[in-house]
N, C-alpha and C. Protein backbone atom coordinates (compact mmCIF):
# COMPACT_ATOMS: atom_id res chain seq x y z
N UNK A 1 0.81 -1.22 0.01
CA UNK A 1 -0.05 -0.01 -0.01
C UNK A 1 0.90 1.24 -0.01
N UNK A 2 0.37 2.32 -0.61
CA UNK A 2 1.11 3.55 -0.68
C UNK A 2 0.50 4.53 0.41
N UNK A 3 1.46 5.22 1.11
CA UNK A 3 1.11 6.16 2.11
C UNK A 3 1.68 7.49 1.83
N UNK A 4 0.82 8.53 1.83
CA UNK A 4 1.22 9.93 1.53
C UNK A 4 0.95 10.76 2.85
N UNK A 5 1.97 11.59 3.19
CA UNK A 5 1.82 12.39 4.36
C UNK A 5 1.40 13.86 3.93
N UNK A 6 0.23 14.30 4.46
CA UNK A 6 -0.27 15.64 4.18
C UNK A 6 -0.05 16.63 5.37
N UNK A 7 0.77 16.15 6.39
CA UNK A 7 1.05 16.98 7.55
C UNK A 7 0.16 16.70 8.72
N UNK A 8 0.72 17.06 9.89
CA UNK A 8 0.06 16.87 11.23
C UNK A 8 -0.33 15.37 11.38
N UNK A 9 -1.62 15.06 11.43
CA UNK A 9 -2.05 13.71 11.51
C UNK A 9 -2.79 13.30 10.32
N UNK A 10 -2.62 13.94 9.22
CA UNK A 10 -3.36 13.70 7.95
C UNK A 10 -2.54 12.86 7.00
N UNK A 11 -3.00 11.69 6.73
CA UNK A 11 -2.36 10.76 5.77
C UNK A 11 -3.37 10.29 4.77
N UNK A 12 -2.85 9.99 3.56
CA UNK A 12 -3.61 9.26 2.56
C UNK A 12 -3.01 7.87 2.42
N UNK A 13 -3.83 6.89 2.53
CA UNK A 13 -3.36 5.50 2.30
C UNK A 13 -4.12 4.87 1.15
N UNK A 14 -3.44 4.35 0.19
CA UNK A 14 -4.03 3.69 -0.97
C UNK A 14 -3.97 2.24 -0.82
N UNK A 15 -5.17 1.61 -0.83
CA UNK A 15 -5.26 0.14 -0.62
C UNK A 15 -6.21 -0.40 -1.81
N UNK A 16 -5.71 -1.28 -2.54
CA UNK A 16 -6.54 -1.84 -3.65
C UNK A 16 -7.12 -0.79 -4.55
N UNK A 17 -6.37 0.27 -4.74
CA UNK A 17 -6.84 1.34 -5.68
C UNK A 17 -7.77 2.32 -5.02
N UNK A 18 -8.15 2.06 -3.72
CA UNK A 18 -9.02 3.03 -3.00
C UNK A 18 -8.18 3.96 -2.20
N UNK A 19 -8.58 5.15 -2.07
CA UNK A 19 -7.86 6.24 -1.36
C UNK A 19 -8.54 6.57 -0.04
N UNK A 20 -7.83 6.31 1.06
CA UNK A 20 -8.39 6.57 2.36
C UNK A 20 -7.63 7.70 3.01
N UNK A 21 -8.28 8.77 3.41
CA UNK A 21 -7.69 9.94 4.00
C UNK A 21 -8.10 9.98 5.45
N UNK A 22 -7.10 10.19 6.33
CA UNK A 22 -7.32 10.29 7.77
C UNK A 22 -7.15 11.67 8.17
N UNK A 23 -8.14 12.17 9.01
CA UNK A 23 -8.11 13.40 9.70
C UNK A 23 -7.65 14.59 8.85
N UNK A 24 -8.44 14.99 7.88
CA UNK A 24 -8.04 15.97 6.87
C UNK A 24 -7.84 17.40 7.54
N UNK A 25 -6.59 17.85 7.69
CA UNK A 25 -6.22 19.15 8.15
C UNK A 25 -5.04 19.60 7.31
N UNK A 26 -5.35 20.29 6.19
CA UNK A 26 -4.28 20.66 5.27
C UNK A 26 -4.24 22.17 5.07
N UNK A 27 -5.43 22.73 4.58
CA UNK A 27 -5.43 24.14 4.23
C UNK A 27 -5.09 25.10 5.40
N UNK A 28 -5.38 24.82 6.65
CA UNK A 28 -5.04 25.72 7.73
C UNK A 28 -3.60 25.48 8.21
N UNK A 29 -2.99 24.46 7.73
CA UNK A 29 -1.61 24.07 8.23
C UNK A 29 -0.54 24.78 7.41
N UNK A 30 0.15 25.74 8.02
CA UNK A 30 1.22 26.39 7.34
C UNK A 30 2.30 25.60 6.87
N UNK A 31 2.58 24.39 7.52
CA UNK A 31 3.65 23.49 7.14
C UNK A 31 3.23 22.72 5.90
N UNK A 32 1.92 22.71 5.52
CA UNK A 32 1.47 21.89 4.41
C UNK A 32 1.10 22.87 3.23
N UNK A 33 1.71 24.02 3.18
CA UNK A 33 1.29 25.06 2.24
C UNK A 33 1.53 24.58 0.78
N UNK A 34 2.42 23.58 0.59
CA UNK A 34 2.69 23.09 -0.77
C UNK A 34 1.73 21.98 -1.21
N UNK A 35 0.85 21.61 -0.28
CA UNK A 35 -0.17 20.59 -0.64
C UNK A 35 -1.39 21.28 -1.20
N UNK A 36 -1.86 20.83 -2.32
CA UNK A 36 -3.00 21.42 -2.97
C UNK A 36 -4.22 20.52 -2.65
N UNK A 37 -5.14 21.02 -1.79
CA UNK A 37 -6.19 20.24 -1.32
C UNK A 37 -7.06 19.72 -2.46
N UNK A 38 -7.12 20.54 -3.52
CA UNK A 38 -7.99 20.15 -4.67
C UNK A 38 -7.50 18.99 -5.46
N UNK A 39 -6.31 18.56 -5.18
CA UNK A 39 -5.79 17.36 -5.91
C UNK A 39 -5.71 16.14 -5.02
N UNK A 40 -6.09 16.22 -3.77
CA UNK A 40 -6.10 15.14 -2.87
C UNK A 40 -7.19 14.17 -3.22
N UNK A 41 -6.86 12.89 -3.43
CA UNK A 41 -7.82 11.87 -3.78
C UNK A 41 -8.42 11.26 -2.52
N UNK A 42 -9.70 10.96 -2.49
CA UNK A 42 -10.36 10.31 -1.40
C UNK A 42 -11.57 9.56 -1.80
N UNK A 43 -11.62 8.24 -1.37
CA UNK A 43 -12.77 7.42 -1.56
C UNK A 43 -13.47 7.31 -0.19
N UNK A 44 -12.63 7.35 0.86
CA UNK A 44 -13.04 7.29 2.26
C UNK A 44 -12.39 8.39 3.02
N UNK A 45 -13.04 8.97 4.02
CA UNK A 45 -12.40 9.85 4.93
C UNK A 45 -12.72 9.41 6.31
N UNK A 46 -11.68 9.09 7.07
CA UNK A 46 -11.76 8.61 8.44
C UNK A 46 -11.43 9.72 9.43
N UNK A 47 -12.36 10.03 10.32
CA UNK A 47 -12.14 11.16 11.22
C UNK A 47 -12.14 10.58 12.69
N UNK A 48 -11.03 10.79 13.33
CA UNK A 48 -10.86 10.22 14.68
C UNK A 48 -11.57 11.00 15.77
N UNK A 49 -11.74 12.29 15.62
CA UNK A 49 -12.40 13.10 16.59
C UNK A 49 -12.65 14.50 15.99
N UNK A 50 -13.36 15.38 16.73
CA UNK A 50 -13.89 16.55 16.13
C UNK A 50 -13.01 17.81 16.20
N UNK A 51 -11.84 17.77 16.78
CA UNK A 51 -11.05 18.99 16.86
C UNK A 51 -10.68 19.51 15.50
N UNK A 52 -10.56 20.79 15.38
CA UNK A 52 -10.32 21.43 14.11
C UNK A 52 -9.12 20.90 13.39
N UNK A 53 -8.07 20.61 14.14
CA UNK A 53 -6.80 20.13 13.46
C UNK A 53 -6.93 18.68 13.00
N UNK A 54 -8.11 18.15 12.97
CA UNK A 54 -8.36 16.81 12.49
C UNK A 54 -9.54 16.76 11.49
N UNK A 55 -10.27 17.90 11.42
CA UNK A 55 -11.52 17.83 10.61
C UNK A 55 -11.68 19.12 9.69
N UNK A 56 -10.73 19.98 9.73
CA UNK A 56 -10.84 21.30 9.13
C UNK A 56 -11.28 21.26 7.64
N UNK A 57 -10.73 20.28 6.94
CA UNK A 57 -10.99 20.11 5.44
C UNK A 57 -11.92 19.08 5.14
N UNK A 58 -12.57 18.49 6.11
CA UNK A 58 -13.43 17.29 5.85
C UNK A 58 -14.62 17.67 4.95
N UNK A 59 -15.31 18.75 5.21
CA UNK A 59 -16.46 19.17 4.42
C UNK A 59 -16.12 19.39 2.98
N UNK A 60 -15.06 20.20 2.78
CA UNK A 60 -14.65 20.53 1.44
C UNK A 60 -14.20 19.25 0.62
N UNK A 61 -13.36 18.45 1.37
CA UNK A 61 -12.91 17.26 0.67
C UNK A 61 -14.06 16.27 0.33
N UNK A 62 -14.96 16.07 1.29
CA UNK A 62 -16.06 15.19 1.09
C UNK A 62 -17.02 15.61 -0.07
N UNK A 63 -17.30 16.90 -0.11
CA UNK A 63 -18.17 17.42 -1.16
C UNK A 63 -17.52 17.32 -2.50
N UNK A 64 -16.22 17.51 -2.64
CA UNK A 64 -15.58 17.49 -3.90
C UNK A 64 -15.44 16.08 -4.42
N UNK A 65 -15.10 15.13 -3.53
CA UNK A 65 -14.79 13.77 -3.96
C UNK A 65 -15.97 12.80 -3.85
N UNK A 66 -17.04 13.17 -2.96
CA UNK A 66 -18.09 12.25 -2.75
C UNK A 66 -17.68 11.11 -1.86
N UNK A 67 -16.49 11.18 -1.21
CA UNK A 67 -15.99 10.18 -0.32
C UNK A 67 -16.97 9.81 0.79
N UNK A 68 -16.97 8.57 1.22
CA UNK A 68 -17.69 8.19 2.46
C UNK A 68 -16.91 8.57 3.66
N UNK A 69 -17.61 9.22 4.59
CA UNK A 69 -16.93 9.63 5.78
C UNK A 69 -17.29 8.64 6.93
N UNK A 70 -16.24 8.15 7.56
CA UNK A 70 -16.43 7.29 8.72
C UNK A 70 -16.03 8.08 9.96
N UNK A 71 -16.99 8.19 10.90
CA UNK A 71 -16.90 8.96 12.12
C UNK A 71 -17.89 8.56 13.14
N UNK A 72 -17.84 9.19 14.30
CA UNK A 72 -18.74 8.93 15.37
C UNK A 72 -20.05 9.47 14.98
N UNK A 73 -21.12 9.02 15.65
CA UNK A 73 -22.52 9.50 15.40
C UNK A 73 -22.64 11.05 15.62
N UNK A 74 -22.00 11.50 16.66
CA UNK A 74 -22.05 13.02 16.89
C UNK A 74 -21.45 13.79 15.79
N UNK A 75 -20.31 13.32 15.19
CA UNK A 75 -19.73 13.97 14.09
C UNK A 75 -20.60 13.85 12.85
N UNK A 76 -21.19 12.68 12.72
CA UNK A 76 -22.15 12.45 11.61
C UNK A 76 -23.29 13.53 11.65
N UNK A 77 -23.79 13.80 12.81
CA UNK A 77 -24.87 14.82 12.97
C UNK A 77 -24.35 16.15 12.46
N UNK A 78 -23.15 16.53 12.99
CA UNK A 78 -22.56 17.86 12.64
C UNK A 78 -22.29 17.96 11.11
N UNK A 79 -21.76 16.89 10.50
CA UNK A 79 -21.45 16.89 9.08
C UNK A 79 -22.75 16.98 8.22
N UNK A 80 -23.77 16.26 8.75
CA UNK A 80 -25.01 16.26 8.00
C UNK A 80 -25.59 17.70 7.87
N UNK A 81 -25.39 18.48 8.98
CA UNK A 81 -25.94 19.83 8.89
C UNK A 81 -25.06 20.73 7.96
N UNK A 82 -23.85 20.20 7.58
CA UNK A 82 -23.03 20.87 6.59
C UNK A 82 -23.29 20.43 5.20
N UNK A 83 -24.24 19.55 5.00
CA UNK A 83 -24.56 19.05 3.67
C UNK A 83 -23.96 17.82 3.24
N UNK A 84 -23.23 17.13 4.12
CA UNK A 84 -22.62 15.86 3.71
C UNK A 84 -23.58 14.71 3.97
N UNK A 85 -23.80 13.92 2.93
CA UNK A 85 -24.78 12.85 2.99
C UNK A 85 -24.15 11.46 3.06
N UNK A 86 -22.94 11.24 2.45
CA UNK A 86 -22.34 9.95 2.36
C UNK A 86 -21.51 9.74 3.66
N UNK A 87 -22.15 9.26 4.72
CA UNK A 87 -21.55 9.12 6.01
C UNK A 87 -21.80 7.72 6.55
N UNK A 88 -20.76 7.14 7.05
CA UNK A 88 -20.91 5.82 7.80
C UNK A 88 -20.73 6.10 9.28
N UNK A 89 -21.79 6.28 10.10
CA UNK A 89 -21.68 6.58 11.52
C UNK A 89 -21.29 5.34 12.26
N UNK A 90 -20.32 5.41 13.20
CA UNK A 90 -19.84 4.31 13.92
C UNK A 90 -19.56 4.70 15.34
N UNK A 91 -19.11 3.74 16.12
CA UNK A 91 -18.66 4.07 17.51
C UNK A 91 -17.64 2.97 17.90
N UNK A 92 -17.03 3.13 19.01
CA UNK A 92 -15.96 2.29 19.45
C UNK A 92 -16.44 0.86 19.57
N UNK A 93 -15.65 -0.07 18.99
CA UNK A 93 -15.99 -1.51 19.00
C UNK A 93 -16.67 -1.98 17.72
N UNK A 94 -17.16 -1.02 16.92
CA UNK A 94 -17.82 -1.35 15.70
C UNK A 94 -16.80 -1.63 14.55
N UNK A 95 -17.30 -2.43 13.56
CA UNK A 95 -16.49 -2.72 12.42
C UNK A 95 -17.30 -2.49 11.17
N UNK A 96 -16.70 -1.85 10.17
CA UNK A 96 -17.35 -1.67 8.85
C UNK A 96 -16.61 -2.54 7.81
N UNK A 97 -17.35 -3.31 7.08
CA UNK A 97 -16.75 -4.18 6.02
C UNK A 97 -16.88 -3.43 4.68
N UNK A 98 -15.70 -2.98 4.15
CA UNK A 98 -15.71 -2.15 2.99
C UNK A 98 -15.07 -2.83 1.77
N UNK A 99 -15.02 -2.15 0.60
CA UNK A 99 -14.47 -2.84 -0.57
C UNK A 99 -12.96 -3.00 -0.57
N UNK A 100 -12.23 -2.31 0.28
CA UNK A 100 -10.80 -2.45 0.33
C UNK A 100 -10.35 -3.36 1.53
N UNK A 101 -11.25 -3.56 2.46
CA UNK A 101 -10.99 -4.28 3.66
C UNK A 101 -11.98 -3.89 4.81
N UNK A 102 -11.51 -4.03 6.01
CA UNK A 102 -12.36 -3.70 7.14
C UNK A 102 -11.77 -2.52 7.93
N UNK A 103 -12.62 -1.75 8.60
CA UNK A 103 -12.27 -0.65 9.57
C UNK A 103 -12.91 -0.94 10.86
N UNK A 104 -12.13 -1.09 11.90
CA UNK A 104 -12.67 -1.35 13.27
C UNK A 104 -12.29 -0.16 14.05
N UNK A 105 -13.22 0.39 14.79
CA UNK A 105 -13.06 1.57 15.64
C UNK A 105 -12.62 1.06 17.06
N UNK A 106 -11.51 1.73 17.55
CA UNK A 106 -10.99 1.31 18.84
C UNK A 106 -10.87 2.56 19.73
N UNK A 107 -10.60 2.26 21.02
CA UNK A 107 -10.64 3.35 22.04
C UNK A 107 -9.43 4.26 21.79
N UNK A 108 -9.72 5.60 22.15
CA UNK A 108 -8.57 6.52 22.24
C UNK A 108 -8.94 7.39 23.48
N UNK A 109 -7.87 7.82 24.26
CA UNK A 109 -8.10 8.57 25.45
C UNK A 109 -7.68 10.03 25.07
N UNK A 110 -8.74 10.82 24.95
CA UNK A 110 -8.54 12.24 24.52
C UNK A 110 -9.78 12.96 24.76
N UNK A 111 -10.05 14.03 24.08
CA UNK A 111 -11.33 14.78 24.12
C UNK A 111 -11.77 15.03 22.72
N UNK A 112 -13.04 15.51 22.61
CA UNK A 112 -13.54 15.68 21.26
C UNK A 112 -14.66 16.74 21.27
N UNK A 113 -14.43 17.82 20.59
CA UNK A 113 -15.47 18.78 20.41
C UNK A 113 -15.34 19.36 18.98
N UNK A 114 -16.44 19.82 18.44
CA UNK A 114 -16.44 20.29 17.05
C UNK A 114 -15.87 21.74 16.95
N UNK A 115 -15.47 22.23 15.79
CA UNK A 115 -14.97 23.58 15.71
C UNK A 115 -15.86 24.67 16.23
N UNK A 116 -17.16 24.39 16.26
CA UNK A 116 -18.15 25.37 16.82
C UNK A 116 -18.41 25.17 18.26
N UNK A 117 -17.65 24.24 18.95
CA UNK A 117 -17.77 24.02 20.29
C UNK A 117 -18.80 22.98 20.77
N UNK A 118 -19.60 22.48 19.77
CA UNK A 118 -20.53 21.38 20.12
C UNK A 118 -19.79 20.11 20.42
N UNK A 119 -20.54 19.16 21.04
CA UNK A 119 -19.95 17.93 21.52
C UNK A 119 -19.66 17.02 20.34
N UNK A 120 -18.40 16.41 20.33
CA UNK A 120 -17.98 15.56 19.21
C UNK A 120 -18.01 14.09 19.49
N UNK A 121 -18.58 13.66 20.57
CA UNK A 121 -18.59 12.26 20.88
C UNK A 121 -17.28 11.76 21.44
N UNK A 122 -17.11 10.48 21.50
CA UNK A 122 -15.89 9.90 22.00
C UNK A 122 -14.83 9.95 20.89
N UNK A 123 -13.53 10.27 21.22
CA UNK A 123 -12.47 10.13 20.28
C UNK A 123 -12.23 8.66 20.09
N UNK A 124 -11.65 8.36 18.87
CA UNK A 124 -11.33 6.89 18.63
C UNK A 124 -10.14 6.80 17.64
N UNK A 125 -9.64 5.56 17.59
CA UNK A 125 -8.61 5.22 16.64
C UNK A 125 -9.23 4.16 15.69
N UNK A 126 -8.42 3.74 14.71
CA UNK A 126 -8.89 2.77 13.77
C UNK A 126 -7.84 1.65 13.50
N UNK A 127 -8.36 0.38 13.49
CA UNK A 127 -7.59 -0.66 12.95
C UNK A 127 -8.12 -0.98 11.56
N UNK A 128 -7.23 -0.92 10.58
CA UNK A 128 -7.59 -1.19 9.20
C UNK A 128 -6.98 -2.54 8.82
N UNK A 129 -7.93 -3.44 8.34
CA UNK A 129 -7.52 -4.77 7.98
C UNK A 129 -7.66 -4.93 6.44
N UNK A 130 -6.66 -5.46 5.74
CA UNK A 130 -6.80 -5.65 4.32
C UNK A 130 -5.91 -6.77 3.85
N UNK A 131 -6.04 -7.21 2.65
CA UNK A 131 -5.20 -8.23 2.06
C UNK A 131 -3.73 -7.74 1.88
N UNK A 132 -3.61 -6.45 1.91
CA UNK A 132 -2.26 -5.83 1.74
C UNK A 132 -1.56 -5.60 3.12
N UNK A 133 -2.24 -5.86 4.13
CA UNK A 133 -1.65 -5.66 5.52
C UNK A 133 -2.65 -4.98 6.49
N UNK A 134 -2.29 -5.05 7.72
CA UNK A 134 -3.14 -4.42 8.83
C UNK A 134 -2.31 -3.27 9.38
N UNK A 135 -3.04 -2.20 9.71
CA UNK A 135 -2.38 -1.13 10.37
C UNK A 135 -3.29 -0.49 11.41
N UNK A 136 -2.73 0.22 12.36
CA UNK A 136 -3.42 0.93 13.44
C UNK A 136 -3.18 2.43 13.34
N UNK A 137 -4.22 3.15 13.22
CA UNK A 137 -4.21 4.63 13.23
C UNK A 137 -4.72 5.05 14.57
N UNK A 138 -3.87 5.59 15.46
CA UNK A 138 -4.22 5.75 16.91
C UNK A 138 -5.07 6.99 17.10
N UNK A 139 -5.07 7.95 16.20
CA UNK A 139 -5.70 9.22 16.49
C UNK A 139 -4.91 9.95 17.58
N UNK A 140 -5.60 10.91 18.24
CA UNK A 140 -5.02 11.62 19.37
C UNK A 140 -5.31 10.79 20.56
N UNK A 141 -4.32 10.43 21.27
CA UNK A 141 -4.53 9.53 22.42
C UNK A 141 -3.38 9.58 23.38
N UNK A 142 -3.70 9.31 24.65
CA UNK A 142 -2.71 9.07 25.67
C UNK A 142 -2.33 7.53 25.57
N UNK A 143 -1.30 7.13 26.22
CA UNK A 143 -1.00 5.70 26.33
C UNK A 143 -2.17 5.08 27.16
N UNK A 144 -2.68 3.96 26.63
CA UNK A 144 -3.76 3.29 27.39
C UNK A 144 -3.52 1.75 27.31
N UNK A 145 -3.84 1.08 28.41
CA UNK A 145 -3.64 -0.35 28.43
C UNK A 145 -4.55 -1.03 27.44
N UNK A 146 -5.64 -0.40 26.96
CA UNK A 146 -6.48 -1.04 25.94
C UNK A 146 -5.70 -1.35 24.67
N UNK A 147 -4.55 -0.64 24.44
CA UNK A 147 -3.76 -0.93 23.25
C UNK A 147 -3.25 -2.33 23.15
N UNK A 148 -3.13 -2.90 24.35
CA UNK A 148 -2.74 -4.36 24.38
C UNK A 148 -3.78 -5.22 23.64
N UNK A 149 -5.00 -4.84 23.74
CA UNK A 149 -6.07 -5.61 23.09
C UNK A 149 -5.92 -5.60 21.58
N UNK A 150 -5.32 -4.45 21.05
CA UNK A 150 -5.13 -4.35 19.64
C UNK A 150 -4.13 -5.40 19.13
N UNK A 151 -2.98 -5.47 19.87
CA UNK A 151 -1.96 -6.44 19.56
C UNK A 151 -2.38 -7.88 19.69
N UNK A 152 -3.34 -8.12 20.56
CA UNK A 152 -3.89 -9.46 20.73
C UNK A 152 -4.98 -9.80 19.73
N UNK A 153 -5.63 -8.73 19.19
CA UNK A 153 -6.73 -8.89 18.30
C UNK A 153 -6.23 -9.14 16.83
N UNK A 154 -5.22 -8.46 16.42
CA UNK A 154 -4.70 -8.56 15.07
C UNK A 154 -3.20 -8.39 14.98
N UNK A 155 -2.64 -8.99 14.01
CA UNK A 155 -1.22 -8.77 13.68
C UNK A 155 -1.14 -7.40 13.06
N UNK A 156 -0.41 -6.45 13.63
CA UNK A 156 -0.34 -5.09 13.18
C UNK A 156 1.05 -4.96 12.38
N UNK A 157 0.94 -4.67 11.15
CA UNK A 157 2.13 -4.52 10.34
C UNK A 157 2.87 -3.19 10.56
N UNK A 158 2.10 -2.15 10.73
CA UNK A 158 2.70 -0.86 11.03
C UNK A 158 1.62 0.05 11.70
N UNK A 159 2.03 1.07 12.37
CA UNK A 159 1.07 1.93 13.10
C UNK A 159 1.42 3.41 12.96
N UNK A 160 0.40 4.19 12.98
CA UNK A 160 0.52 5.65 13.07
C UNK A 160 0.27 6.04 14.54
N UNK A 161 1.31 6.58 15.19
CA UNK A 161 1.17 6.98 16.58
C UNK A 161 1.52 8.48 16.78
N UNK A 162 0.82 9.16 17.65
CA UNK A 162 1.18 10.52 17.96
C UNK A 162 2.36 10.61 18.85
N UNK A 163 3.33 11.51 18.66
CA UNK A 163 4.53 11.61 19.41
C UNK A 163 4.89 12.98 19.91
N UNK A 164 3.92 13.92 19.69
CA UNK A 164 4.23 15.30 20.03
C UNK A 164 4.14 15.75 21.43
N UNK A 165 3.58 14.89 22.31
CA UNK A 165 3.44 15.22 23.74
C UNK A 165 2.52 16.41 23.90
N UNK A 166 2.29 16.89 25.04
CA UNK A 166 1.42 17.94 25.44
C UNK A 166 -0.02 17.64 25.34
N UNK A 167 -0.56 17.38 24.14
CA UNK A 167 -1.95 17.05 23.91
C UNK A 167 -2.20 15.65 23.69
N UNK A 168 -1.11 14.84 23.47
CA UNK A 168 -1.19 13.35 23.23
C UNK A 168 0.07 12.80 23.93
N UNK A 169 0.24 11.54 23.76
CA UNK A 169 1.41 10.90 24.38
C UNK A 169 2.67 11.40 23.54
N UNK A 170 3.77 11.35 24.18
CA UNK A 170 5.04 11.67 23.57
C UNK A 170 5.81 10.43 23.13
N UNK A 171 7.06 10.65 22.78
CA UNK A 171 7.86 9.50 22.24
C UNK A 171 8.03 8.38 23.33
N UNK A 172 8.25 8.72 24.56
CA UNK A 172 8.44 7.64 25.54
C UNK A 172 7.22 6.74 25.67
N UNK A 173 6.03 7.35 25.77
CA UNK A 173 4.85 6.56 25.90
C UNK A 173 4.46 5.87 24.56
N UNK A 174 4.88 6.49 23.39
CA UNK A 174 4.57 5.82 22.10
C UNK A 174 5.45 4.55 21.94
N UNK A 175 6.62 4.53 22.59
CA UNK A 175 7.39 3.39 22.61
C UNK A 175 6.73 2.19 23.31
N UNK A 176 6.15 2.55 24.47
CA UNK A 176 5.43 1.52 25.24
C UNK A 176 4.23 1.13 24.44
N UNK A 177 3.57 2.03 23.84
CA UNK A 177 2.41 1.70 22.97
C UNK A 177 2.78 0.74 21.84
N UNK A 178 3.94 0.87 21.27
CA UNK A 178 4.42 -0.01 20.20
C UNK A 178 4.60 -1.40 20.78
N UNK A 179 5.06 -1.49 22.02
CA UNK A 179 5.22 -2.79 22.67
C UNK A 179 3.80 -3.41 22.91
N UNK A 180 2.86 -2.57 23.35
CA UNK A 180 1.52 -3.09 23.64
C UNK A 180 0.83 -3.68 22.40
N UNK A 181 1.01 -2.95 21.27
CA UNK A 181 0.36 -3.45 20.01
C UNK A 181 1.28 -4.45 19.31
N UNK A 182 2.44 -4.72 19.87
CA UNK A 182 3.37 -5.72 19.26
C UNK A 182 3.79 -5.35 17.81
N UNK A 183 4.18 -4.12 17.65
CA UNK A 183 4.51 -3.57 16.35
C UNK A 183 5.82 -2.75 16.40
N UNK A 184 6.74 -3.06 15.60
CA UNK A 184 8.07 -2.38 15.62
C UNK A 184 8.30 -1.44 14.42
N UNK A 185 7.22 -1.11 13.70
CA UNK A 185 7.26 -0.22 12.58
C UNK A 185 6.23 0.92 12.71
N UNK A 186 6.82 2.01 13.19
CA UNK A 186 5.91 3.17 13.59
C UNK A 186 6.11 4.38 12.70
N UNK A 187 4.99 4.98 12.29
CA UNK A 187 5.05 6.26 11.61
C UNK A 187 4.52 7.33 12.57
N UNK A 188 5.36 8.30 12.81
CA UNK A 188 4.97 9.33 13.80
C UNK A 188 4.03 10.37 13.24
N UNK A 189 3.22 10.93 14.10
CA UNK A 189 2.25 12.00 13.71
C UNK A 189 1.98 12.90 14.86
N UNK A 190 1.26 13.99 14.62
CA UNK A 190 0.86 14.98 15.61
C UNK A 190 2.12 15.55 16.32
N UNK A 191 3.06 16.09 15.46
CA UNK A 191 4.19 16.77 16.03
C UNK A 191 4.59 17.90 15.09
N UNK A 192 5.28 18.95 15.64
CA UNK A 192 5.85 20.00 14.87
C UNK A 192 4.87 21.09 14.34
N UNK A 193 3.58 20.76 14.22
CA UNK A 193 2.67 21.66 13.66
C UNK A 193 2.53 23.00 14.36
N UNK A 194 2.52 22.94 15.72
CA UNK A 194 2.40 24.09 16.54
C UNK A 194 3.53 24.08 17.51
N UNK A 195 3.85 25.24 18.06
CA UNK A 195 5.01 25.40 18.97
C UNK A 195 5.02 24.34 20.10
N UNK A 196 3.89 24.17 20.82
CA UNK A 196 3.91 23.18 21.94
C UNK A 196 4.26 21.71 21.62
N UNK A 197 4.09 21.37 20.34
CA UNK A 197 4.34 19.96 20.00
C UNK A 197 5.53 19.79 19.09
N UNK A 198 6.42 20.81 19.03
CA UNK A 198 7.67 20.64 18.28
C UNK A 198 8.61 19.69 18.99
N UNK A 199 9.24 18.78 18.21
CA UNK A 199 10.08 17.79 18.78
C UNK A 199 11.46 17.88 18.18
N UNK A 200 12.43 17.20 18.88
CA UNK A 200 13.76 16.99 18.27
C UNK A 200 13.70 15.62 17.55
N UNK A 201 13.80 15.67 16.28
CA UNK A 201 13.67 14.46 15.50
C UNK A 201 14.72 13.43 15.80
N UNK A 202 15.94 13.86 15.85
CA UNK A 202 16.98 12.84 16.07
C UNK A 202 16.88 12.18 17.46
N UNK A 203 16.51 12.95 18.46
CA UNK A 203 16.26 12.39 19.83
C UNK A 203 15.18 11.40 19.79
N UNK A 204 14.03 11.73 19.10
CA UNK A 204 12.94 10.78 19.07
C UNK A 204 13.32 9.54 18.36
N UNK A 205 14.05 9.61 17.24
CA UNK A 205 14.45 8.45 16.45
C UNK A 205 15.38 7.59 17.31
N UNK A 206 16.28 8.25 18.03
CA UNK A 206 17.29 7.50 18.91
C UNK A 206 16.50 6.75 20.03
N UNK A 207 15.52 7.35 20.60
CA UNK A 207 14.79 6.63 21.70
C UNK A 207 14.06 5.39 21.16
N UNK A 208 13.49 5.49 19.98
CA UNK A 208 12.85 4.33 19.36
C UNK A 208 13.89 3.28 18.98
N UNK A 209 14.96 3.67 18.41
CA UNK A 209 16.00 2.77 17.95
C UNK A 209 16.61 1.97 19.11
N UNK A 210 16.79 2.69 20.23
CA UNK A 210 17.30 1.99 21.42
C UNK A 210 16.35 0.94 21.98
N UNK A 211 15.13 1.03 21.62
CA UNK A 211 14.09 0.08 21.99
C UNK A 211 13.79 -0.97 20.91
N UNK A 212 14.61 -0.92 19.87
CA UNK A 212 14.43 -1.84 18.73
C UNK A 212 13.28 -1.65 17.88
N UNK A 213 12.85 -0.35 17.82
CA UNK A 213 11.64 0.03 17.01
C UNK A 213 12.04 1.03 15.99
N UNK A 214 11.53 0.89 14.76
CA UNK A 214 11.81 1.83 13.69
C UNK A 214 10.75 2.94 13.68
N UNK A 215 11.20 4.18 13.79
CA UNK A 215 10.32 5.26 13.75
C UNK A 215 10.56 6.06 12.47
N UNK A 216 9.52 6.20 11.66
CA UNK A 216 9.60 6.98 10.38
C UNK A 216 8.91 8.30 10.58
N UNK A 217 9.60 9.39 10.36
CA UNK A 217 9.08 10.71 10.34
C UNK A 217 8.99 11.21 8.92
N UNK A 218 7.83 11.14 8.33
CA UNK A 218 7.75 11.46 6.93
C UNK A 218 7.79 12.96 6.65
N UNK A 219 8.25 13.37 5.46
CA UNK A 219 8.23 14.66 5.03
C UNK A 219 6.80 14.97 4.45
N UNK A 220 6.31 16.18 4.67
CA UNK A 220 4.95 16.52 4.07
C UNK A 220 5.05 16.48 2.59
N UNK A 221 4.16 15.73 2.02
CA UNK A 221 4.12 15.51 0.57
C UNK A 221 4.81 14.26 0.14
N UNK A 222 5.55 13.60 1.02
CA UNK A 222 6.27 12.39 0.71
C UNK A 222 5.30 11.22 0.62
N UNK A 223 5.62 10.29 -0.26
CA UNK A 223 4.88 8.97 -0.34
C UNK A 223 5.82 7.85 -0.19
N UNK A 224 5.45 6.88 0.68
CA UNK A 224 6.21 5.66 0.85
C UNK A 224 5.29 4.48 0.60
N UNK A 225 5.95 3.28 0.51
CA UNK A 225 5.27 2.10 0.21
C UNK A 225 5.43 1.12 1.38
N UNK A 226 4.42 0.49 1.84
CA UNK A 226 4.45 -0.57 2.90
C UNK A 226 3.95 -1.89 2.33
């Protein structure tokens, strides 16, 4: 599968020719100024929670592409009022069987409110299962013992984990999370976008390496293959 980094926690993952976009936050992100939102492909948009830095471009992207949006019921209600109709409302523990594979919603420890301040439901992460491999997108979360269930539930080939600290777990806790999910191939996210979550890249990589874990910090606009 091909993975493209659009900045912050926004990734595009191509599986079986389908384009899945996670937490679209591009146009307000100064670090992603070279990304043209109008060229981003999406068949599915997965939203982990309602904070603006994860949903800012969801309405525009969904309207342009017609992509199916996967989110909590509360976000479904909010998006519906914005004119989005192709929505798959879910909640933690649920699984959607789709044409590229399955999406299972899992627990995340964070908060969730919409850009207008209304309630956004529970935050969540996603386990994506496909013939091309399984991966975990954690969303914004603290370290939680529930992550052990993910490692016991599925073989995880790689995972997207937040490492910026302050609003999510930092590198040290992400290393423990990697052990919990039994995955040594991690793509970092939710770092550098704002001053409080700027990190030292070499220090973070060294910490992971000393624990026998590979940490990939993608450049915005970069595409890699897994």
